[in-house]
PDB file of N, CA and C in Angstrom:
ATOM      1  N   UNK A   1      94.541 135.461 179.041  1.00  0.00           N
ATOM      2  CA  UNK A   1      94.078 136.116 180.143  1.00  0.00           C
ATOM      3  C   UNK A   1      92.526 136.083 180.176  1.00  0.00           C
ATOM      4  N   UNK A   2      91.977 135.751 181.331  1.00  0.00           N
ATOM      5  CA  UNK A   2      90.541 135.604 181.474  1.00  0.00           C
ATOM      6  C   UNK A   2      89.911 137.077 181.639  1.00  0.00           C
ATOM      7  N   UNK A   3      88.671 137.072 181.066  1.00  0.00           N
ATOM      8  CA  UNK A   3      87.899 138.452 181.128  1.00  0.00           C
ATOM      9  C   UNK A   3      87.481 138.620 182.512  1.00  0.00           C
ATOM     10  N   UNK A   4      87.159 137.517 183.297  1.00  0.00           N
ATOM     11  CA  UNK A   4      86.811 137.601 184.676  1.00  0.00           C
ATOM     12  C   UNK A   4      87.735 136.789 185.606  1.00  0.00           C
ATOM     13  N   UNK A   5      87.969 137.350 186.787  1.00  0.00           N
ATOM     14  CA  UNK A   5      88.776 136.507 187.659  1.00  0.00           C
ATOM     15  C   UNK A   5      88.112 135.237 188.096  1.00  0.00           C
ATOM     16  N   UNK A   6      86.718 135.353 188.298  1.00  0.00           N
ATOM     17  CA  UNK A   6      85.899 134.243 188.614  1.00  0.00           C
ATOM     18  C   UNK A   6      84.607 134.221 187.714  1.00  0.00           C
ATOM     19  N   UNK A   7      84.286 133.144 187.119  1.00  0.00           N
ATOM     20  CA  UNK A   7      83.144 133.061 186.344  1.00  0.00           C
ATOM     21  C   UNK A   7      82.301 131.893 186.970  1.00  0.00           C
ATOM     22  N   UNK A   8      81.152 132.257 187.564  1.00  0.00           N
ATOM     23  CA  UNK A   8      80.377 131.367 188.361  1.00  0.00           C
ATOM     24  C   UNK A   8      79.087 130.881 187.628  1.00  0.00           C
ATOM     25  N   UNK A   9      78.915 129.640 187.439  1.00  0.00           N
ATOM     26  CA  UNK A   9      77.736 129.135 186.742  1.00  0.00           C
ATOM     27  C   UNK A   9      76.828 128.379 187.792  1.00  0.00           C
ATOM     28  N   UNK A  10      75.737 128.762 187.844  1.00  0.00           N
ATOM     29  CA  UNK A  10      74.661 128.144 188.624  1.00  0.00           C
ATOM     30  C   UNK A  10      73.806 127.232 187.699  1.00  0.00           C
ATOM     31  N   UNK A  11      73.703 125.919 187.941  1.00  0.00           N
ATOM     32  CA  UNK A  11      72.735 125.143 187.269  1.00  0.00           C
ATOM     33  C   UNK A  11      71.305 125.543 187.743  1.00  0.00           C
ATOM     34  N   UNK A  12      70.516 125.965 186.740  1.00  0.00           N
ATOM     35  CA  UNK A  12      69.142 126.295 187.092  1.00  0.00           C
ATOM     36  C   UNK A  12      68.158 125.536 186.274  1.00  0.00           C
ATOM     37  N   UNK A  13      68.622 124.311 185.820  1.00  0.00           N
ATOM     38  CA  UNK A  13      67.814 123.446 185.046  1.00  0.00           C
ATOM     39  C   UNK A  13      66.502 123.001 185.800  1.00  0.00           C
ATOM     40  N   UNK A  14      65.400 123.044 184.974  1.00  0.00           N
ATOM     41  CA  UNK A  14      64.191 122.587 185.614  1.00  0.00           C
ATOM     42  C   UNK A  14      63.701 121.397 184.826  1.00  0.00           C
ATOM     43  N   UNK A  15      63.543 120.254 185.551  1.00  0.00           N
ATOM     44  CA  UNK A  15      63.035 119.077 184.841  1.00  0.00           C
ATOM     45  C   UNK A  15      61.604 118.782 185.188  1.00  0.00           C
ATOM     46  N   UNK A  16      60.995 117.799 184.574  1.00  0.00           N
ATOM     47  CA  UNK A  16      59.624 117.457 184.900  1.00  0.00           C
ATOM     48  C   UNK A  16      59.346 117.167 186.332  1.00  0.00           C
ATOM     49  N   UNK A  17      58.224 117.308 186.801  1.00  0.00           N
ATOM     50  CA  UNK A  17      57.783 117.051 188.182  1.00  0.00           C
ATOM     51  C   UNK A  17      58.273 115.682 188.635  1.00  0.00           C
ATOM     52  N   UNK A  18      58.882 115.610 189.787  1.00  0.00           N
ATOM     53  CA  UNK A  18      59.354 114.332 190.344  1.00  0.00           C
ATOM     54  C   UNK A  18      60.718 113.954 189.930  1.00  0.00           C
ATOM     55  N   UNK A  19      61.349 114.643 188.933  1.00  0.00           N
ATOM     56  CA  UNK A  19      62.677 114.273 188.482  1.00  0.00           C
ATOM     57  C   UNK A  19      63.655 115.167 189.275  1.00  0.00           C
ATOM     58  N   UNK A  20      64.854 114.729 189.642  1.00  0.00           N
ATOM     59  CA  UNK A  20      65.788 115.441 190.324  1.00  0.00           C
ATOM     60  C   UNK A  20      66.408 116.485 189.489  1.00  0.00           C
ATOM     61  N   UNK A  21      66.504 117.759 190.067  1.00  0.00           N
ATOM     62  CA  UNK A  21      67.055 118.860 189.300  1.00  0.00           C
ATOM     63  C   UNK A  21      67.383 119.982 190.315  1.00  0.00           C
ATOM     64  N   UNK A  22      68.308 120.795 189.913  1.00  0.00           N
ATOM     65  CA  UNK A  22      68.748 121.810 190.779  1.00  0.00           C
ATOM     66  C   UNK A  22      67.728 122.899 191.054  1.00  0.00           C
ATOM     67  N   UNK A  23      67.023 123.305 190.073  1.00  0.00           N
ATOM     68  CA  UNK A  23      65.956 124.300 190.303  1.00  0.00           C
ATOM     69  C   UNK A  23      64.867 123.873 191.271  1.00  0.00           C
ATOM     70  N   UNK A  24      64.689 122.599 191.457  1.00  0.00           N
ATOM     71  CA  UNK A  24      63.685 122.169 192.479  1.00  0.00           C
ATOM     72  C   UNK A  24      64.198 122.464 193.822  1.00  0.00           C
ATOM     73  N   UNK A  25      65.488 122.789 193.960  1.00  0.00           N
ATOM     74  CA  UNK A  25      66.037 123.102 195.243  1.00  0.00           C
ATOM     75  C   UNK A  25      66.249 124.557 195.404  1.00  0.00           C
ATOM     76  N   UNK A  26      65.690 125.374 194.578  1.00  0.00           N
ATOM     77  CA  UNK A  26      65.716 126.846 194.693  1.00  0.00           C
ATOM     78  C   UNK A  26      66.948 127.464 194.018  1.00  0.00           C
ATOM     79  N   UNK A  27      67.504 126.828 193.016  1.00  0.00           N
ATOM     80  CA  UNK A  27      68.762 127.286 192.463  1.00  0.00           C
ATOM     81  C   UNK A  27      68.605 128.675 191.821  1.00  0.00           C
ATOM     82  N   UNK A  28      67.513 128.956 191.166  1.00  0.00           N
ATOM     83  CA  UNK A  28      67.383 130.285 190.459  1.00  0.00           C
ATOM     84  C   UNK A  28      67.212 131.333 191.525  1.00  0.00           C
ATOM     85  N   UNK A  29      66.581 131.091 192.562  1.00  0.00           N
ATOM     86  CA  UNK A  29      66.379 132.110 193.643  1.00  0.00           C
ATOM     87  C   UNK A  29      67.805 132.388 194.296  1.00  0.00           C
ATOM     88  N   UNK A  30      68.489 131.347 194.524  1.00  0.00           N
ATOM     89  CA  UNK A  30      69.827 131.571 195.111  1.00  0.00           C
ATOM     90  C   UNK A  30      70.929 132.070 194.131  1.00  0.00           C
ATOM     91  N   UNK A  31      70.721 131.832 192.861  1.00  0.00           N
ATOM     92  CA  UNK A  31      71.544 132.576 191.882  1.00  0.00           C
ATOM     93  C   UNK A  31      71.348 134.000 191.990  1.00  0.00           C
ATOM     94  N   UNK A  32      70.086 134.399 192.054  1.00  0.00           N
ATOM     95  CA  UNK A  32      69.788 135.859 192.121  1.00  0.00           C
ATOM     96  C   UNK A  32      70.403 136.355 193.411  1.00  0.00           C
ATOM     97  N   UNK A  33      70.185 135.635 194.448  1.00  0.00           N
ATOM     98  CA  UNK A  33      70.883 136.210 195.730  1.00  0.00           C
ATOM     99  C   UNK A  33      72.338 136.330 195.596  1.00  0.00           C
ATOM    100  N   UNK A  34      73.053 135.357 195.012  1.00  0.00           N
ATOM    101  CA  UNK A  34      74.439 135.495 194.815  1.00  0.00           C
ATOM    102  C   UNK A  34      74.815 136.675 193.953  1.00  0.00           C
ATOM    103  N   UNK A  35      74.047 136.780 192.927  1.00  0.00           N
ATOM    104  CA  UNK A  35      74.280 137.959 191.959  1.00  0.00           C
ATOM    105  C   UNK A  35      74.049 139.289 192.700  1.00  0.00           C
ATOM    106  N   UNK A  36      73.088 139.360 193.394  1.00  0.00           N
ATOM    107  CA  UNK A  36      72.875 140.650 194.195  1.00  0.00           C
ATOM    108  C   UNK A  36      74.035 140.851 195.363  1.00  0.00           C
ATOM    109  N   UNK A  37      74.441 139.761 195.858  1.00  0.00           N
ATOM    110  CA  UNK A  37      75.467 139.954 196.904  1.00  0.00           C
ATOM    111  C   UNK A  37      76.837 140.349 196.179  1.00  0.00           C
ATOM    112  N   UNK A  38      77.156 139.766 195.110  1.00  0.00           N
ATOM    113  CA  UNK A  38      78.284 140.140 194.443  1.00  0.00           C
ATOM    114  C   UNK A  38      78.299 141.605 193.993  1.00  0.00           C
ATOM    115  N   UNK A  39      77.108 142.022 193.575  1.00  0.00           N
ATOM    116  CA  UNK A  39      76.971 143.428 193.122  1.00  0.00           C
ATOM    117  C   UNK A  39      77.121 144.428 194.363  1.00  0.00           C
ATOM    118  N   UNK A  40      76.495 143.968 195.420  1.00  0.00           N
ATOM    119  CA  UNK A  40      76.631 144.806 196.605  1.00  0.00           C
ATOM    120  C   UNK A  40      78.073 144.999 197.057  1.00  0.00           C
ATOM    121  N   UNK A  41      78.902 143.924 196.871  1.00  0.00           N
ATOM    122  CA  UNK A  41      80.306 144.058 197.216  1.00  0.00           C
ATOM    123  C   UNK A  41      81.165 144.686 196.174  1.00  0.00           C
ATOM    124  N   UNK A  42      80.518 145.144 195.072  1.00  0.00           N
ATOM    125  CA  UNK A  42      81.260 145.785 193.985  1.00  0.00           C
ATOM    126  C   UNK A  42      82.157 144.909 193.199  1.00  0.00           C
ATOM    127  N   UNK A  43      81.804 143.610 193.134  1.00  0.00           N
ATOM    128  CA  UNK A  43      82.622 142.625 192.423  1.00  0.00           C
ATOM    129  C   UNK A  43      82.100 142.243 191.037  1.00  0.00           C
ATOM    130  N   UNK A  44      80.998 142.865 190.704  1.00  0.00           N
ATOM    131  CA  UNK A  44      80.369 142.462 189.421  1.00  0.00           C
ATOM    132  C   UNK A  44      80.929 143.353 188.226  1.00  0.00           C
ATOM    133  N   UNK A  45      82.086 143.382 188.047  1.00  0.00           N
ATOM    134  CA  UNK A  45      82.768 144.086 186.917  1.00  0.00           C
ATOM    135  C   UNK A  45      83.752 143.341 186.153  1.00  0.00           C
ATOM    136  N   UNK A  46      83.889 143.666 184.879  1.00  0.00           N
ATOM    137  CA  UNK A  46      84.971 142.925 184.060  1.00  0.00           C
ATOM    138  C   UNK A  46      86.294 142.929 184.862  1.00  0.00           C
ATOM    139  N   UNK A  47      86.943 141.736 184.876  1.00  0.00           N
ATOM    140  CA  UNK A  47      88.134 141.493 185.563  1.00  0.00           C
ATOM    141  C   UNK A  47      87.917 140.970 187.000  1.00  0.00           C
ATOM    142  N   UNK A  48      86.648 140.967 187.420  1.00  0.00           N
ATOM    143  CA  UNK A  48      86.312 140.406 188.774  1.00  0.00           C
ATOM    144  C   UNK A  48      85.466 139.216 188.787  1.00  0.00           C
ATOM    145  N   UNK A  49      84.133 139.370 188.959  1.00  0.00           N
ATOM    146  CA  UNK A  49      83.268 138.240 189.124  1.00  0.00           C
ATOM    147  C   UNK A  49      81.950 138.389 188.226  1.00  0.00           C
ATOM    148  N   UNK A  50      81.634 137.244 187.514  1.00  0.00           N
ATOM    149  CA  UNK A  50      80.388 137.160 186.790  1.00  0.00           C
ATOM    150  C   UNK A  50      79.646 135.911 187.244  1.00  0.00           C
ATOM    151  N   UNK A  51      78.368 136.201 187.501  1.00  0.00           N
ATOM    152  CA  UNK A  51      77.429 135.143 187.887  1.00  0.00           C
ATOM    153  C   UNK A  51      76.491 134.828 186.715  1.00  0.00           C
ATOM    154  N   UNK A  52      76.419 133.528 186.333  1.00  0.00           N
ATOM    155  CA  UNK A  52      75.525 133.211 185.109  1.00  0.00           C
ATOM    156  C   UNK A  52      74.710 131.980 185.491  1.00  0.00           C
ATOM    157  N   UNK A  53      73.615 131.802 184.804  1.00  0.00           N
ATOM    158  CA  UNK A  53      72.793 130.669 184.848  1.00  0.00           C
ATOM    159  C   UNK A  53      73.326 129.581 183.797  1.00  0.00           C
ATOM    160  N   UNK A  54      73.130 128.360 184.108  1.00  0.00           N
ATOM    161  CA  UNK A  54      73.514 127.350 183.256  1.00  0.00           C
ATOM    162  C   UNK A  54      72.365 126.283 183.112  1.00  0.00           C
ATOM    163  N   UNK A  55      72.334 125.630 181.915  1.00  0.00           N
ATOM    164  CA  UNK A  55      71.348 124.549 181.927  1.00  0.00           C
ATOM    165  C   UNK A  55      71.980 123.406 182.704  1.00  0.00           C
ATOM    166  N   UNK A  56      71.493 122.203 182.386  1.00  0.00           N
ATOM    167  CA  UNK A  56      71.846 121.036 183.189  1.00  0.00           C
ATOM    168  C   UNK A  56      73.317 120.769 183.004  1.00  0.00           C
ATOM    169  N   UNK A  57      74.071 120.552 184.071  1.00  0.00           N
ATOM    170  CA  UNK A  57      75.516 120.235 184.084  1.00  0.00           C
ATOM    171  C   UNK A  57      75.721 118.748 184.477  1.00  0.00           C
ATOM    172  N   UNK A  58      74.637 117.906 184.468  1.00  0.00           N
ATOM    173  CA  UNK A  58      74.737 116.484 184.666  1.00  0.00           C
ATOM    174  C   UNK A  58      75.262 116.155 186.103  1.00  0.00           C
ATOM    175  N   UNK A  59      74.980 116.973 187.049  1.00  0.00           N
ATOM    176  CA  UNK A  59      75.424 116.660 188.504  1.00  0.00           C
ATOM    177  C   UNK A  59      74.143 116.896 189.376  1.00  0.00           C
ATOM    178  N   UNK A  60      73.046 116.524 188.837  1.00  0.00           N
ATOM    179  CA  UNK A  60      71.802 116.837 189.646  1.00  0.00           C
ATOM    180  C   UNK A  60      71.780 116.004 190.865  1.00  0.00           C
ATOM    181  N   UNK A  61      72.404 114.796 190.981  1.00  0.00           N
ATOM    182  CA  UNK A  61      72.409 114.041 192.224  1.00  0.00           C
ATOM    183  C   UNK A  61      73.209 114.710 193.333  1.00  0.00           C
ATOM    184  N   UNK A  62      74.089 115.690 193.020  1.00  0.00           N
ATOM    185  CA  UNK A  62      74.802 116.424 193.965  1.00  0.00           C
ATOM    186  C   UNK A  62      74.171 117.799 194.208  1.00  0.00           C
ATOM    187  N   UNK A  63      73.042 118.046 193.565  1.00  0.00           N
ATOM    188  CA  UNK A  63      72.473 119.377 193.460  1.00  0.00           C
ATOM    189  C   UNK A  63      71.853 119.919 194.681  1.00  0.00           C
ATOM    190  N   UNK A  64      71.627 121.219 194.744  1.00  0.00           N
ATOM    191  CA  UNK A  64      72.006 122.127 193.621  1.00  0.00           C
ATOM    192  C   UNK A  64      73.474 122.314 193.535  1.00  0.00           C
ATOM    193  N   UNK A  65      73.939 122.715 192.334  1.00  0.00           N
ATOM    194  CA  UNK A  65      75.375 122.826 192.126  1.00  0.00           C
ATOM    195  C   UNK A  65      75.740 124.096 191.362  1.00  0.00           C
ATOM    196  N   UNK A  66      76.931 124.533 191.727  1.00  0.00           N
ATOM    197  CA  UNK A  66      77.557 125.625 190.932  1.00  0.00           C
ATOM    198  C   UNK A  66      79.043 125.216 190.532  1.00  0.00           C
ATOM    199  N   UNK A  67      79.562 125.789 189.542  1.00  0.00           N
ATOM    200  CA  UNK A  67      80.982 125.578 189.165  1.00  0.00           C
ATOM    201  C   UNK A  67      81.623 126.932 189.007  1.00  0.00           C
ATOM    202  N   UNK A  68      82.764 127.131 189.526  1.00  0.00           N
ATOM    203  CA  UNK A  68      83.477 128.332 189.424  1.00  0.00           C
ATOM    204  C   UNK A  68      84.801 128.126 188.617  1.00  0.00           C
ATOM    205  N   UNK A  69      84.924 128.931 187.563  1.00  0.00           N
ATOM    206  CA  UNK A  69      86.061 128.902 186.743  1.00  0.00           C
ATOM    207  C   UNK A  69      86.883 130.208 186.971  1.00  0.00           C
ATOM    208  N   UNK A  70      88.208 130.109 186.833  1.00  0.00           N
ATOM    209  CA  UNK A  70      88.882 129.210 185.961  1.00  0.00           C
ATOM    210  C   UNK A  70      89.312 127.899 186.572  1.00  0.00           C
ATOM    211  N   UNK A  71      89.227 127.813 187.876  1.00  0.00           N
ATOM    212  CA  UNK A  71      89.666 126.557 188.605  1.00  0.00           C
ATOM    213  C   UNK A  71      88.797 125.331 188.228  1.00  0.00           C
ATOM    214  N   UNK A  72      87.525 125.524 188.076  1.00  0.00           N
ATOM    215  CA  UNK A  72      86.677 124.293 187.831  1.00  0.00           C
ATOM    216  C   UNK A  72      86.274 123.729 189.181  1.00  0.00           C
ATOM    217  N   UNK A  73      86.083 124.646 190.136  1.00  0.00           N
ATOM    218  CA  UNK A  73      85.659 124.099 191.424  1.00  0.00           C
ATOM    219  C   UNK A  73      84.150 123.949 191.520  1.00  0.00           C
ATOM    220  N   UNK A  74      83.764 122.749 191.861  1.00  0.00           N
ATOM    221  CA  UNK A  74      82.326 122.510 191.998  1.00  0.00           C
ATOM    222  C   UNK A  74      81.817 122.600 193.433  1.00  0.00           C
ATOM    223  N   UNK A  75      80.740 123.167 193.675  1.00  0.00           N
ATOM    224  CA  UNK A  75      80.092 123.228 195.022  1.00  0.00           C
ATOM    225  C   UNK A  75      78.662 122.872 194.952  1.00  0.00           C
ATOM    226  N   UNK A  76      78.186 122.374 196.084  1.00  0.00           N
ATOM    227  CA  UNK A  76      76.764 122.317 196.406  1.00  0.00           C
ATOM    228  C   UNK A  76      76.455 123.268 197.449  1.00  0.00           C
ATOM    229  N   UNK A  77      75.173 123.505 197.671  1.00  0.00           N
ATOM    230  CA  UNK A  77      74.792 124.490 198.698  1.00  0.00           C
ATOM    231  C   UNK A  77      73.369 124.223 199.043  1.00  0.00           C
ATOM    232  N   UNK A  78      72.968 124.777 200.142  1.00  0.00           N
ATOM    233  CA  UNK A  78      71.550 124.619 200.661  1.00  0.00           C
ATOM    234  C   UNK A  78      70.833 125.853 200.795  1.00  0.00           C
ATOM    235  N   UNK A  79      71.506 126.929 201.151  1.00  0.00           N
ATOM    236  CA  UNK A  79      70.802 128.156 201.583  1.00  0.00           C
ATOM    237  C   UNK A  79      71.730 129.353 201.339  1.00  0.00           C
ATOM    238  N   UNK A  80      71.210 130.560 201.745  1.00  0.00           N
ATOM    239  CA  UNK A  80      71.846 131.825 201.664  1.00  0.00           C
ATOM    240  C   UNK A  80      73.201 131.809 202.446  1.00  0.00           C
ATOM    241  N   UNK A  81      73.265 131.190 203.570  1.00  0.00           N
ATOM    242  CA  UNK A  81      74.416 131.116 204.357  1.00  0.00           C
ATOM    243  C   UNK A  81      75.589 130.359 203.584  1.00  0.00           C
ATOM    244  N   UNK A  82      75.236 129.295 202.841  1.00  0.00           N
ATOM    245  CA  UNK A  82      76.240 128.634 202.037  1.00  0.00           C
ATOM    246  C   UNK A  82      76.705 129.476 200.936  1.00  0.00           C
ATOM    247  N   UNK A  83      75.717 130.218 200.338  1.00  0.00           N
ATOM    248  CA  UNK A  83      76.271 131.172 199.206  1.00  0.00           C
ATOM    249  C   UNK A  83      77.126 132.226 199.782  1.00  0.00           C
ATOM    250  N   UNK A  84      76.723 132.792 200.961  1.00  0.00           N
ATOM    251  CA  UNK A  84      77.543 133.804 201.616  1.00  0.00           C
ATOM    252  C   UNK A  84      78.958 133.299 201.839  1.00  0.00           C
ATOM    253  N   UNK A  85      79.015 131.974 202.264  1.00  0.00           N
ATOM    254  CA  UNK A  85      80.379 131.430 202.539  1.00  0.00           C
ATOM    255  C   UNK A  85      81.233 131.349 201.252  1.00  0.00           C
ATOM    256  N   UNK A  86      80.619 130.875 200.226  1.00  0.00           N
ATOM    257  CA  UNK A  86      81.238 130.732 198.885  1.00  0.00           C
ATOM    258  C   UNK A  86      81.700 132.081 198.452  1.00  0.00           C
ATOM    259  N   UNK A  87      80.822 133.133 198.512  1.00  0.00           N
ATOM    260  CA  UNK A  87      81.147 134.432 198.065  1.00  0.00           C
ATOM    261  C   UNK A  87      82.286 134.978 198.878  1.00  0.00           C
ATOM    262  N   UNK A  88      82.168 134.874 200.182  1.00  0.00           N
ATOM    263  CA  UNK A  88      83.165 135.478 201.108  1.00  0.00           C
ATOM    264  C   UNK A  88      84.512 134.837 201.054  1.00  0.00           C
ATOM    265  N   UNK A  89      84.500 133.572 201.024  1.00  0.00           N
ATOM    266  CA  UNK A  89      85.795 132.801 200.992  1.00  0.00           C
ATOM    267  C   UNK A  89      86.443 132.512 199.708  1.00  0.00           C
ATOM    268  N   UNK A  90      85.559 132.048 198.711  1.00  0.00           N
ATOM    269  CA  UNK A  90      86.165 131.767 197.340  1.00  0.00           C
ATOM    270  C   UNK A  90      86.379 133.006 196.583  1.00  0.00           C
ATOM    271  N   UNK A  91      85.211 133.752 196.333  1.00  0.00           N
ATOM    272  CA  UNK A  91      85.281 134.934 195.419  1.00  0.00           C
ATOM    273  C   UNK A  91      85.954 136.123 195.937  1.00  0.00           C
ATOM    274  N   UNK A  92      86.012 136.329 197.312  1.00  0.00           N
ATOM    275  CA  UNK A  92      86.676 137.456 197.850  1.00  0.00           C
ATOM    276  C   UNK A  92      88.052 137.085 198.213  1.00  0.00           C
ATOM    277  N   UNK A  93      88.319 135.959 198.998  1.00  0.00           N
ATOM    278  CA  UNK A  93      89.493 135.655 199.582  1.00  0.00           C
ATOM    279  C   UNK A  93      90.416 134.588 198.745  1.00  0.00           C
ATOM    280  N   UNK A  94      89.633 133.987 197.787  1.00  0.00           N
ATOM    281  CA  UNK A  94      90.424 133.033 196.857  1.00  0.00           C
ATOM    282  C   UNK A  94      90.586 131.570 197.606  1.00  0.00           C
ATOM    283  N   UNK A  95      89.785 131.463 198.647  1.00  0.00           N
ATOM    284  CA  UNK A  95      89.973 130.110 199.378  1.00  0.00           C
ATOM    285  C   UNK A  95      88.882 129.050 198.881  1.00  0.00           C
ATOM    286  N   UNK A  96      89.218 127.897 198.849  1.00  0.00           N
ATOM    287  CA  UNK A  96      88.177 126.804 198.535  1.00  0.00           C
ATOM    288  C   UNK A  96      87.431 126.510 199.789  1.00  0.00           C
ATOM    289  N   UNK A  97      86.121 126.369 199.623  1.00  0.00           N
ATOM    290  CA  UNK A  97      85.252 126.021 200.756  1.00  0.00           C
ATOM    291  C   UNK A  97      85.113 124.487 200.748  1.00  0.00           C
ATOM    292  N   UNK A  98      86.019 123.826 201.487  1.00  0.00           N
ATOM    293  CA  UNK A  98      86.021 122.354 201.497  1.00  0.00           C
ATOM    294  C   UNK A  98      84.767 121.757 201.795  1.00  0.00           C
ATOM    295  N   UNK A  99      83.949 122.265 202.792  1.00  0.00           N
ATOM    296  CA  UNK A  99      82.847 121.611 203.273  1.00  0.00           C
ATOM    297  C   UNK A  99      81.687 121.524 202.240  1.00  0.00           C
ATOM    298  N   UNK A 100      81.788 122.456 201.224  1.00  0.00           N
ATOM    299  CA  UNK A 100      80.682 122.478 200.212  1.00  0.00           C
ATOM    300  C   UNK A 100      81.174 121.923 198.948  1.00  0.00           C
ATOM    301  N   UNK A 101      82.469 121.665 198.789  1.00  0.00           N
ATOM    302  CA  UNK A 101      83.111 121.143 197.462  1.00  0.00           C
ATOM    303  C   UNK A 101      82.619 119.678 197.182  1.00  0.00           C
ATOM    304  N   UNK A 102      82.248 119.573 195.941  1.00  0.00           N
ATOM    305  CA  UNK A 102      81.908 118.117 195.438  1.00  0.00           C
ATOM    306  C   UNK A 102      82.841 117.748 194.344  1.00  0.00           C
TER     307      UNK A 102
END
């Protein structure tokens, strides 16, 4: 049994200037946004949802990226609206957001 229903990892890796990385696309800021959104919905409890930072997950060319376990679903995103859609559809309703899936 998993401790969380969904465990979400945001790549927040920062590489040297000019190198492709998720944090250059605002990953850390949007991770904080997702964490606050999950908390506001009351989902940030054992058995529900955990939002974490991760180092490089070797998918920078698709970035910024997150992966949600236990399914292992990978998403890319651009802004808060994309994060809202992932939270509302995947984390609340259990639906895959096909348009953001990589």
